[in-house]
N, C-alpha and C. Protein backbone atom coordinates (compact mmCIF):
# COMPACT_ATOMS: atom_id res chain seq x y z
N MET A 1 -27.15 30.90 7.48
CA MET A 1 -25.56 31.23 8.29
C MET A 1 -25.48 32.10 7.93
N ASN A 2 -24.69 33.12 9.09
CA ASN A 2 -24.24 34.54 8.53
C ASN A 2 -23.02 34.51 8.18
N GLY A 3 -21.92 33.37 7.98
CA GLY A 3 -20.99 33.64 7.57
C GLY A 3 -19.52 33.64 9.05
N LYS A 4 -20.14 34.20 10.10
CA LYS A 4 -19.21 33.78 11.18
C LYS A 4 -19.27 32.51 11.86
N THR A 5 -17.97 32.37 12.06
CA THR A 5 -18.31 30.85 13.09
C THR A 5 -17.77 31.14 14.71
N SER A 6 -18.70 30.62 15.11
CA SER A 6 -18.55 31.33 16.78
C SER A 6 -17.93 30.33 17.58
N LEU A 7 -17.51 31.06 18.62
CA LEU A 7 -16.36 30.53 19.46
C LEU A 7 -17.01 29.07 20.27
N PRO A 8 -16.27 27.96 20.87
CA PRO A 8 -16.95 27.31 21.54
C PRO A 8 -17.65 27.63 22.65
N THR A 9 -18.57 26.69 23.19
CA THR A 9 -19.80 28.01 24.02
C THR A 9 -18.95 27.78 25.34
N VAL A 10 -18.08 26.90 25.96
CA VAL A 10 -17.22 26.89 27.56
C VAL A 10 -16.93 28.60 27.22
N SER A 11 -17.03 28.89 28.49
CA SER A 11 -16.77 30.42 28.72
C SER A 11 -15.44 30.48 29.14
N GLN A 12 -15.45 31.86 29.08
CA GLN A 12 -13.53 31.92 29.87
C GLN A 12 -13.82 32.08 31.31
N ASP A 13 -15.08 31.89 31.91
CA ASP A 13 -14.80 31.77 33.25
C ASP A 13 -15.37 30.71 34.11
N SER A 14 -15.14 29.42 33.14
CA SER A 14 -15.11 27.92 33.00
C SER A 14 -14.52 27.63 34.45
N ALA A 15 -15.19 26.84 35.34
CA ALA A 15 -14.36 26.65 36.50
C ALA A 15 -12.68 25.90 36.15
N ARG A 16 -12.71 25.22 35.04
CA ARG A 16 -11.53 24.38 34.59
C ARG A 16 -10.69 25.13 33.18
N PRO A 17 -10.50 26.33 33.06
CA PRO A 17 -9.84 27.07 31.53
C PRO A 17 -8.77 25.68 31.45
N THR A 18 -8.61 25.27 30.76
CA THR A 18 -7.57 24.69 29.95
C THR A 18 -6.20 25.59 28.93
N ASP A 19 -5.48 24.79 28.67
CA ASP A 19 -4.54 25.37 27.46
C ASP A 19 -5.26 25.61 26.12
N PHE A 20 -6.02 24.46 25.66
CA PHE A 20 -6.89 24.39 24.85
C PHE A 20 -7.66 25.72 24.87
N MET A 21 -8.72 26.01 25.93
CA MET A 21 -9.37 26.92 25.72
C MET A 21 -8.86 28.10 24.93
N TYR A 22 -7.61 28.12 26.26
CA TYR A 22 -7.04 29.07 25.43
C TYR A 22 -6.41 29.66 24.14
N ALA A 23 -6.17 28.14 23.61
CA ALA A 23 -5.33 28.54 22.58
C ALA A 23 -6.53 28.55 21.26
N VAL A 24 -7.92 28.22 21.37
CA VAL A 24 -9.01 28.70 20.83
C VAL A 24 -8.90 30.07 20.84
N TRP A 25 -9.22 30.66 21.97
CA TRP A 25 -9.28 31.95 22.07
C TRP A 25 -8.47 32.46 21.34
N ARG A 26 -7.14 32.41 21.19
CA ARG A 26 -6.07 33.15 20.83
C ARG A 26 -6.14 33.09 19.11
N LEU A 27 -6.60 31.58 19.09
CA LEU A 27 -7.08 31.20 17.55
C LEU A 27 -7.75 32.41 17.03
N LYS A 28 -9.07 32.64 17.51
CA LYS A 28 -10.10 33.30 17.39
C LYS A 28 -9.50 34.83 16.98
N GLU A 29 -9.20 35.43 18.05
CA GLU A 29 -8.51 36.69 17.96
C GLU A 29 -7.30 36.85 16.86
N GLU A 30 -6.02 36.19 16.91
CA GLU A 30 -5.57 36.27 15.52
C GLU A 30 -6.22 36.11 14.51
N HIS A 31 -6.81 35.19 14.18
CA HIS A 31 -7.55 35.16 12.61
C HIS A 31 -8.69 36.53 12.45
N ASP A 32 -9.20 37.20 13.67
CA ASP A 32 -10.17 38.57 13.75
C ASP A 32 -9.05 39.45 12.91
N ARG A 33 -7.31 39.72 13.24
CA ARG A 33 -6.62 40.75 13.29
C ARG A 33 -6.17 40.38 11.88
N LEU A 34 -5.90 39.48 11.65
CA LEU A 34 -5.33 38.47 10.11
C LEU A 34 -6.31 38.97 9.21
N ASN A 35 -7.55 38.98 9.77
CA ASN A 35 -8.71 39.08 8.45
C ASN A 35 -8.89 40.42 8.55
N GLU A 36 -8.17 41.36 9.26
CA GLU A 36 -8.90 42.69 9.30
C GLU A 36 -7.54 43.53 8.30
N GLN A 37 -6.75 42.59 8.17
CA GLN A 37 -5.66 42.98 7.35
C GLN A 37 -5.60 42.09 5.76
N VAL A 38 -6.13 41.54 5.73
CA VAL A 38 -6.17 40.97 4.49
C VAL A 38 -7.60 41.86 3.69
N LYS A 39 -8.34 41.93 5.07
CA LYS A 39 -9.62 43.37 3.95
C LYS A 39 -8.96 44.77 3.33
N VAL A 40 -8.00 45.19 4.40
CA VAL A 40 -6.94 45.96 3.62
C VAL A 40 -6.06 45.71 2.69
N LEU A 41 -5.71 44.94 2.41
CA LEU A 41 -4.78 44.20 1.62
C LEU A 41 -5.39 43.94 0.10
N TYR A 42 -6.66 43.25 0.54
CA TYR A 42 -7.61 42.78 -0.64
C TYR A 42 -8.11 44.52 -1.37
N THR A 43 -8.53 45.13 -0.95
CA THR A 43 -9.04 46.30 -1.48
C THR A 43 -8.08 47.07 -1.79
N ASP A 44 -6.98 47.60 -1.01
CA ASP A 44 -5.88 48.06 -1.78
C ASP A 44 -5.19 47.10 -2.91
N ALA A 45 -5.26 46.32 -3.04
CA ALA A 45 -4.67 45.36 -4.32
C ALA A 45 -5.99 45.72 -5.34
N LEU A 46 -7.10 45.58 -5.34
CA LEU A 46 -8.51 46.03 -6.16
C LEU A 46 -7.89 47.25 -6.78
N GLU A 47 -8.02 48.55 -5.59
CA GLU A 47 -7.62 49.83 -6.33
C GLU A 47 -6.41 50.06 -7.22
N ALA A 48 -5.56 49.33 -6.91
CA ALA A 48 -3.74 49.47 -7.59
C ALA A 48 -4.38 48.49 -8.67
N GLY A 49 -4.70 47.47 -9.28
CA GLY A 49 -5.19 47.00 -10.20
C GLY A 49 -5.86 47.58 -11.12
N ARG A 50 -7.19 48.39 -10.29
CA ARG A 50 -7.88 49.16 -11.32
C ARG A 50 -7.31 50.78 -11.76
N GLU A 51 -6.44 50.65 -11.17
CA GLU A 51 -6.05 52.49 -11.47
C GLU A 51 -5.22 52.33 -12.57
N THR A 52 -5.93 53.34 -13.38
CA THR A 52 -5.20 54.06 -14.93
C THR A 52 -4.25 54.57 -15.34
N ASP A 53 -3.61 55.21 -14.10
CA ASP A 53 -2.55 55.80 -14.06
C ASP A 53 -1.44 55.25 -13.61
N ALA A 54 -0.65 54.88 -14.17
CA ALA A 54 0.68 54.06 -14.31
C ALA A 54 1.43 54.51 -12.93
N ASP A 55 1.56 56.11 -12.79
CA ASP A 55 2.45 56.40 -11.91
C ASP A 55 1.52 56.30 -10.50
N THR A 56 0.22 56.46 -10.51
CA THR A 56 -0.55 56.27 -9.10
C THR A 56 -0.59 54.68 -8.88
N ALA A 57 -0.65 54.02 -9.72
CA ALA A 57 -0.59 52.55 -9.70
C ALA A 57 0.20 52.37 -9.27
N LEU A 58 1.66 52.40 -9.63
CA LEU A 58 2.87 52.21 -8.97
C LEU A 58 3.19 52.78 -7.42
N ARG A 59 2.41 54.01 -7.43
CA ARG A 59 2.82 54.22 -5.68
C ARG A 59 1.63 53.54 -4.66
N LEU A 60 0.69 53.18 -5.36
CA LEU A 60 -0.68 52.11 -4.54
C LEU A 60 0.29 50.74 -4.34
N LEU A 61 0.98 50.46 -5.24
CA LEU A 61 1.47 49.25 -5.63
C LEU A 61 2.93 48.99 -4.46
N GLY A 62 3.27 50.25 -4.26
CA GLY A 62 4.48 50.21 -3.40
C GLY A 62 4.05 50.32 -1.66
N GLY A 63 3.15 50.69 -1.58
CA GLY A 63 2.45 51.03 -0.30
C GLY A 63 1.91 49.58 -0.24
N LEU A 64 0.97 48.84 -1.27
CA LEU A 64 0.60 47.26 -1.00
C LEU A 64 1.98 46.48 -0.54
N ARG A 65 2.88 46.44 -1.14
CA ARG A 65 4.22 45.61 -1.15
C ARG A 65 4.76 45.76 0.38
N GLU A 66 4.74 46.92 1.15
CA GLU A 66 5.29 47.31 2.42
C GLU A 66 4.11 46.66 3.38
N ARG A 67 2.71 46.61 3.09
CA ARG A 67 1.92 46.11 4.07
C ARG A 67 2.10 44.75 3.79
N THR A 68 2.42 44.03 2.86
CA THR A 68 2.22 42.72 2.45
C THR A 68 3.52 42.23 3.11
N VAL A 69 4.54 42.88 3.15
CA VAL A 69 5.69 42.39 3.94
C VAL A 69 5.27 42.31 5.34
N ALA A 70 4.64 43.47 5.94
CA ALA A 70 4.67 43.10 7.59
C ALA A 70 3.74 42.33 7.49
N PHE A 71 2.26 42.33 6.79
CA PHE A 71 1.43 41.37 6.88
C PHE A 71 2.12 39.71 6.89
N ALA A 72 2.94 39.40 5.86
CA ALA A 72 3.24 37.78 5.53
C ALA A 72 4.37 37.59 6.97
N LEU A 73 4.71 38.25 7.23
CA LEU A 73 5.98 37.99 8.81
C LEU A 73 4.61 37.52 9.98
N GLN A 74 3.59 38.34 10.17
CA GLN A 74 2.59 38.03 10.74
C GLN A 74 2.11 36.34 10.59
N LEU A 75 1.30 36.44 9.49
CA LEU A 75 1.15 35.54 9.24
C LEU A 75 1.67 33.94 9.19
N GLU A 76 3.06 34.28 9.27
CA GLU A 76 4.14 33.40 9.67
C GLU A 76 4.04 32.82 11.06
N ALA A 77 3.85 33.82 11.86
CA ALA A 77 4.46 33.37 13.27
C ALA A 77 3.01 33.07 13.68
N HIS A 78 1.84 33.30 12.97
CA HIS A 78 0.44 32.72 12.93
C HIS A 78 0.81 31.55 13.26
N SER A 79 1.18 30.93 11.58
CA SER A 79 0.94 29.45 11.29
C SER A 79 2.40 28.77 11.87
N GLU A 80 2.93 29.42 12.47
CA GLU A 80 4.39 28.56 13.22
C GLU A 80 3.64 28.11 14.90
N TRP A 81 2.67 28.58 15.03
CA TRP A 81 1.92 28.93 16.30
C TRP A 81 1.07 27.56 16.52
N GLU A 82 0.26 27.50 15.07
CA GLU A 82 -0.63 27.11 15.08
C GLU A 82 -0.14 25.48 15.05
N GLU A 83 0.59 25.24 13.87
CA GLU A 83 1.88 23.98 13.88
C GLU A 83 2.24 23.61 15.29
N ARG A 84 3.11 24.27 15.89
CA ARG A 84 3.63 24.01 16.91
C ARG A 84 2.36 23.76 18.65
N GLU A 85 1.31 24.53 18.89
CA GLU A 85 0.88 24.36 19.42
C GLU A 85 -0.60 23.34 18.93
N MET A 86 -1.27 24.55 18.51
CA MET A 86 -2.84 24.51 18.25
C MET A 86 -2.99 22.96 17.60
N PHE A 87 -2.70 22.50 16.41
CA PHE A 87 -3.07 21.37 15.73
C PHE A 87 -2.30 20.15 16.23
N PRO A 88 -0.98 20.21 17.25
CA PRO A 88 -1.19 19.13 17.99
C PRO A 88 -2.07 18.89 19.06
N LEU A 89 -2.27 19.89 19.45
CA LEU A 89 -3.34 19.84 20.58
C LEU A 89 -4.88 18.73 19.92
N VAL A 90 -5.25 19.42 18.86
CA VAL A 90 -6.35 18.85 18.23
C VAL A 90 -5.87 17.13 17.56
N SER A 91 -4.94 17.19 17.17
CA SER A 91 -4.68 15.91 16.56
C SER A 91 -4.60 14.66 17.46
N ASP A 92 -3.82 15.61 18.57
CA ASP A 92 -3.46 14.31 19.71
C ASP A 92 -4.94 13.66 20.03
N TYR A 93 -5.87 14.85 20.66
CA TYR A 93 -7.40 13.93 20.90
C TYR A 93 -8.03 13.42 19.77
N PHE A 94 -8.07 14.17 19.49
CA PHE A 94 -8.90 12.64 17.80
C PHE A 94 -8.02 12.25 17.43
N HIS A 95 -6.91 11.63 17.46
CA HIS A 95 -6.46 10.31 17.07
C HIS A 95 -6.43 9.49 18.44
N LYS A 96 -6.60 9.35 19.56
CA LYS A 96 -6.94 8.41 20.54
C LYS A 96 -8.18 8.12 20.30
N ARG A 97 -9.15 8.30 19.42
CA ARG A 97 -10.43 8.17 19.25
C ARG A 97 -10.69 7.35 18.21
N ILE A 98 -11.95 6.81 18.43
CA ILE A 98 -12.48 5.92 16.77
C ILE A 98 -12.93 6.47 15.86
N VAL A 99 -12.66 7.51 15.24
CA VAL A 99 -13.37 8.52 14.71
C VAL A 99 -12.90 8.99 13.28
N PRO A 100 -13.50 9.46 12.08
CA PRO A 100 -12.53 9.27 11.17
C PRO A 100 -11.57 10.71 11.22
N SER A 101 -10.24 10.04 10.48
CA SER A 101 -9.11 11.09 10.57
C SER A 101 -9.64 12.22 10.47
N ILE A 102 -9.29 13.46 11.34
CA ILE A 102 -9.18 14.78 10.57
C ILE A 102 -7.89 15.25 9.74
N THR A 103 -6.96 14.18 9.59
CA THR A 103 -5.53 14.62 8.96
C THR A 103 -5.67 15.04 7.52
N PRO A 104 -6.93 14.42 6.80
CA PRO A 104 -7.28 15.11 5.40
C PRO A 104 -7.56 16.49 5.67
N SER A 105 -8.24 17.19 6.35
CA SER A 105 -8.74 18.25 6.41
C SER A 105 -7.43 19.53 6.81
N PHE A 106 -6.88 19.30 7.73
CA PHE A 106 -5.71 19.87 7.93
C PHE A 106 -4.97 19.83 6.95
N TRP A 107 -4.37 18.89 5.67
CA TRP A 107 -3.62 18.59 4.74
C TRP A 107 -4.52 19.40 3.75
N VAL A 108 -5.97 19.57 3.36
CA VAL A 108 -6.24 20.62 2.36
C VAL A 108 -6.07 21.97 3.19
N MET A 109 -6.17 22.13 4.34
CA MET A 109 -5.55 23.80 4.91
C MET A 109 -4.51 24.19 4.71
N GLU A 110 -3.58 22.97 5.03
CA GLU A 110 -2.21 23.28 4.30
C GLU A 110 -1.78 23.58 3.05
N LYS A 111 -2.42 23.04 2.35
CA LYS A 111 -2.20 23.19 0.74
C LYS A 111 -2.69 24.99 0.38
N ASP A 112 -4.44 25.09 1.09
CA ASP A 112 -4.68 26.44 0.74
C ASP A 112 -3.35 27.40 1.25
N HIS A 113 -3.44 27.06 2.43
CA HIS A 113 -1.87 28.09 3.00
C HIS A 113 -1.18 28.12 2.03
N GLU A 114 -0.55 26.97 1.53
CA GLU A 114 0.54 27.12 0.76
C GLU A 114 0.41 27.87 -0.23
N LEU A 115 -1.13 27.78 -1.45
CA LEU A 115 -1.31 28.54 -2.23
C LEU A 115 -1.04 29.89 -2.10
N ALA A 116 -1.59 30.44 -1.20
CA ALA A 116 -1.82 31.66 -0.92
C ALA A 116 -0.60 32.37 -0.64
N LEU A 117 0.42 31.39 0.27
CA LEU A 117 1.66 31.98 0.26
C LEU A 117 2.62 32.27 -1.31
N LEU A 118 2.45 31.59 -2.31
CA LEU A 118 2.63 31.49 -3.80
C LEU A 118 1.89 32.47 -4.21
N PHE A 119 0.63 33.03 -3.90
CA PHE A 119 0.23 34.19 -4.76
C PHE A 119 1.01 35.51 -3.90
N ILE A 120 1.30 35.45 -2.89
CA ILE A 120 2.15 36.59 -2.21
C ILE A 120 3.26 36.58 -2.63
N GLY A 121 3.88 35.24 -3.17
CA GLY A 121 5.21 35.31 -3.23
C GLY A 121 5.74 35.87 -4.63
N THR A 122 4.34 35.40 -5.22
CA THR A 122 4.51 36.10 -6.96
C THR A 122 4.09 37.68 -7.06
N PHE A 123 3.47 38.08 -6.38
CA PHE A 123 3.12 39.14 -6.31
C PHE A 123 4.49 40.39 -5.55
N MET A 124 5.03 39.64 -4.52
CA MET A 124 6.12 40.00 -4.12
C MET A 124 7.83 39.97 -5.20
N GLU A 125 7.81 38.80 -5.85
CA GLU A 125 8.48 38.78 -7.13
C GLU A 125 8.24 40.12 -7.94
N LEU A 126 6.64 39.90 -8.41
CA LEU A 126 6.66 41.04 -9.55
C LEU A 126 6.74 42.64 -8.91
N THR A 127 6.75 43.06 -7.93
CA THR A 127 7.33 44.31 -7.46
C THR A 127 8.21 44.22 -6.91
N GLU A 128 9.43 43.12 -6.86
CA GLU A 128 10.81 43.73 -6.11
C GLU A 128 11.69 44.68 -6.97
N ASP A 129 11.54 44.42 -7.85
CA ASP A 129 12.60 45.78 -8.62
C ASP A 129 11.30 46.46 -9.02
N ASN A 130 12.08 47.94 -9.80
CA ASN A 130 11.00 49.04 -9.77
C ASN A 130 10.23 48.52 -11.07
N VAL A 131 8.85 48.49 -10.90
CA VAL A 131 8.23 48.04 -12.45
C VAL A 131 8.50 49.72 -12.76
N PRO A 132 8.32 49.19 -14.45
CA PRO A 132 8.38 50.58 -15.13
C PRO A 132 6.88 50.91 -15.44
N ALA A 133 6.96 52.55 -15.39
CA ALA A 133 5.82 53.25 -15.27
C ALA A 133 4.88 52.55 -16.94
N ASP A 134 5.56 52.09 -17.77
CA ASP A 134 4.55 51.39 -19.19
C ASP A 134 4.83 49.97 -18.76
N ARG A 135 4.42 49.73 -17.81
CA ARG A 135 3.87 48.12 -17.75
C ARG A 135 2.80 47.89 -16.99
N ILE A 136 1.93 48.72 -17.34
CA ILE A 136 0.66 48.60 -16.62
C ILE A 136 -0.21 46.84 -16.13
N ASP A 137 0.18 46.34 -17.89
CA ASP A 137 -0.02 44.84 -17.57
C ASP A 137 0.38 43.99 -16.14
N LEU A 138 1.77 44.38 -16.23
CA LEU A 138 2.59 43.88 -15.09
C LEU A 138 2.22 44.26 -13.64
N ILE A 139 1.96 45.42 -13.75
CA ILE A 139 1.09 46.15 -12.35
C ILE A 139 -0.22 45.56 -11.95
N ARG A 140 -0.85 45.09 -12.96
CA ARG A 140 -2.06 44.49 -13.13
C ARG A 140 -2.22 43.10 -12.64
N GLN A 141 -1.37 42.48 -12.90
CA GLN A 141 -1.17 41.15 -12.80
C GLN A 141 -0.59 41.16 -11.23
N ALA A 142 0.49 41.85 -10.82
CA ALA A 142 1.39 41.59 -9.45
C ALA A 142 -0.48 41.75 -8.71
N ALA A 143 -0.97 42.84 -8.85
CA ALA A 143 -2.39 43.35 -7.93
C ALA A 143 -3.04 41.96 -7.94
N SER A 144 -3.15 41.83 -8.79
CA SER A 144 -4.18 40.36 -9.48
C SER A 144 -3.53 39.34 -8.18
N ASN A 145 -2.52 38.93 -8.32
CA ASN A 145 -1.70 37.91 -7.13
C ASN A 145 -1.82 37.95 -5.82
N MET A 146 -2.13 39.34 -5.53
CA MET A 146 -2.39 39.69 -4.43
C MET A 146 -3.95 39.52 -3.43
N VAL A 147 -4.95 39.97 -4.97
CA VAL A 147 -6.20 39.59 -4.75
C VAL A 147 -6.90 38.04 -4.75
N GLN A 148 -5.72 37.25 -5.33
CA GLN A 148 -6.23 35.94 -4.95
C GLN A 148 -5.59 35.28 -4.07
N ALA A 149 -4.13 35.73 -3.43
CA ALA A 149 -3.62 35.65 -1.91
C ALA A 149 -4.94 35.98 -1.26
N CYS A 150 -5.48 37.13 -1.10
CA CYS A 150 -6.40 37.37 0.11
C CYS A 150 -7.51 36.93 0.19
N LEU A 151 -8.25 36.35 -1.04
CA LEU A 151 -9.21 35.53 -1.32
C LEU A 151 -9.36 34.47 -0.62
N ILE A 152 -8.12 33.78 -0.76
CA ILE A 152 -8.01 32.17 -0.50
C ILE A 152 -7.68 32.07 1.08
N LEU A 153 -6.96 33.09 1.19
CA LEU A 153 -6.53 33.62 2.78
C LEU A 153 -7.96 33.35 3.81
N GLN A 154 -9.24 34.52 3.03
CA GLN A 154 -10.37 34.67 4.02
C GLN A 154 -11.00 33.24 4.01
N GLU A 155 -11.08 32.18 3.18
CA GLU A 155 -11.53 31.16 3.29
C GLU A 155 -10.74 30.33 3.83
N HIS A 156 -9.87 30.55 3.56
CA HIS A 156 -8.91 29.52 4.68
C HIS A 156 -8.91 29.82 5.87
N PHE A 157 -9.12 31.05 6.56
CA PHE A 157 -9.58 31.54 7.84
C PHE A 157 -11.03 30.71 8.26
N ARG A 158 -11.70 30.77 7.65
CA ARG A 158 -13.15 30.38 7.50
C ARG A 158 -13.31 28.75 7.59
N LEU A 159 -12.61 27.79 7.11
CA LEU A 159 -12.62 26.67 7.06
C LEU A 159 -12.09 26.51 8.00
N GLU A 160 -10.95 26.48 8.30
CA GLU A 160 -9.93 26.28 9.92
C GLU A 160 -11.13 26.48 11.03
N GLU A 161 -11.62 27.51 11.37
CA GLU A 161 -12.52 27.79 12.23
C GLU A 161 -13.50 26.38 12.28
N GLU A 162 -14.33 26.73 10.94
CA GLU A 162 -15.23 25.59 10.98
C GLU A 162 -14.99 24.08 11.43
N LEU A 163 -13.67 24.12 10.86
CA LEU A 163 -12.75 22.87 11.72
C LEU A 163 -12.70 22.32 13.24
N ILE A 164 -12.13 23.58 13.48
CA ILE A 164 -11.49 23.55 14.87
C ILE A 164 -12.58 23.99 15.71
N PHE A 165 -13.51 24.83 15.69
CA PHE A 165 -14.20 24.97 16.94
C PHE A 165 -15.36 24.32 17.40
N PRO A 166 -16.09 23.57 16.07
CA PRO A 166 -16.52 21.99 16.48
C PRO A 166 -15.79 21.28 17.29
N LEU A 167 -14.55 20.82 16.85
CA LEU A 167 -13.89 19.73 17.51
C LEU A 167 -13.64 20.44 18.77
N ALA A 168 -13.60 21.99 19.14
CA ALA A 168 -13.34 22.39 20.57
C ALA A 168 -14.13 22.27 21.19
N ASP A 169 -15.38 22.36 20.86
CA ASP A 169 -16.33 22.31 21.64
C ASP A 169 -16.79 20.87 22.06
N GLU A 170 -16.31 20.04 21.35
CA GLU A 170 -16.32 18.45 21.79
C GLU A 170 -15.59 18.16 22.76
N MET A 171 -14.19 18.83 22.69
CA MET A 171 -13.12 18.57 23.73
C MET A 171 -13.44 18.98 24.89
N LEU A 172 -13.73 20.18 24.86
CA LEU A 172 -14.40 21.06 26.39
C LEU A 172 -15.72 20.36 26.68
N THR A 173 -16.28 19.98 26.14
CA THR A 173 -17.20 18.99 26.81
C THR A 173 -17.44 17.71 27.61
N ASP A 174 -16.06 17.03 26.80
CA ASP A 174 -15.85 16.15 27.24
C ASP A 174 -14.82 15.91 28.53
N ILE A 175 -13.68 17.41 28.31
CA ILE A 175 -13.09 17.59 29.51
C ILE A 175 -14.16 18.07 30.76
N ASP A 176 -15.17 18.59 30.21
CA ASP A 176 -16.30 19.57 31.85
C ASP A 176 -16.82 17.86 32.39
N TYR A 177 -17.08 17.32 31.08
CA TYR A 177 -17.77 16.04 31.61
C TYR A 177 -16.71 14.51 32.64
N PHE A 178 -15.80 14.68 32.38
CA PHE A 178 -14.52 14.33 33.00
C PHE A 178 -14.28 14.77 34.44
N TYR A 179 -14.36 15.93 34.25
CA TYR A 179 -14.06 16.41 35.70
C TYR A 179 -15.27 16.88 36.75
N SER A 180 -16.81 16.29 36.01
CA SER A 180 -18.06 16.50 36.55
C SER A 180 -18.37 15.16 37.41
């Protein structure tokens, strides 16, 4: 497997596009955009953590903090949309059928998301005040927290797609079958 999760097989040109189809496409687009930002944050955090010159490391950390603030706002908006629109659609559909519950999977994904936010929060706390240049250990600790947040988020997005896309395929197949 190439590590990429493919979108459900129903095309956008389907005779019966549904709100759920649009939600799945939005999920994929937002994950792609957020993942690109996570890659940049990850690279920047690694660079700041490896920097041996404290002044340069502080400058890198400052830029990383600014980008993290913007990213966190986008991540929060994405998470709110998922909770409000995407997950209820999936959950409602599968709770009406006699199949093993998907609730534990959603719970695990939520815990991953919370853990990533904790690492981001710790990064933000560590960089809130001006970090003294002689505290390279604090700079490395802050950068390490951001690296961990990025790794968790990358895995979180991948797992979410591995859960949602097969369910979406099944739902869309059922919808097409119902209308045919």
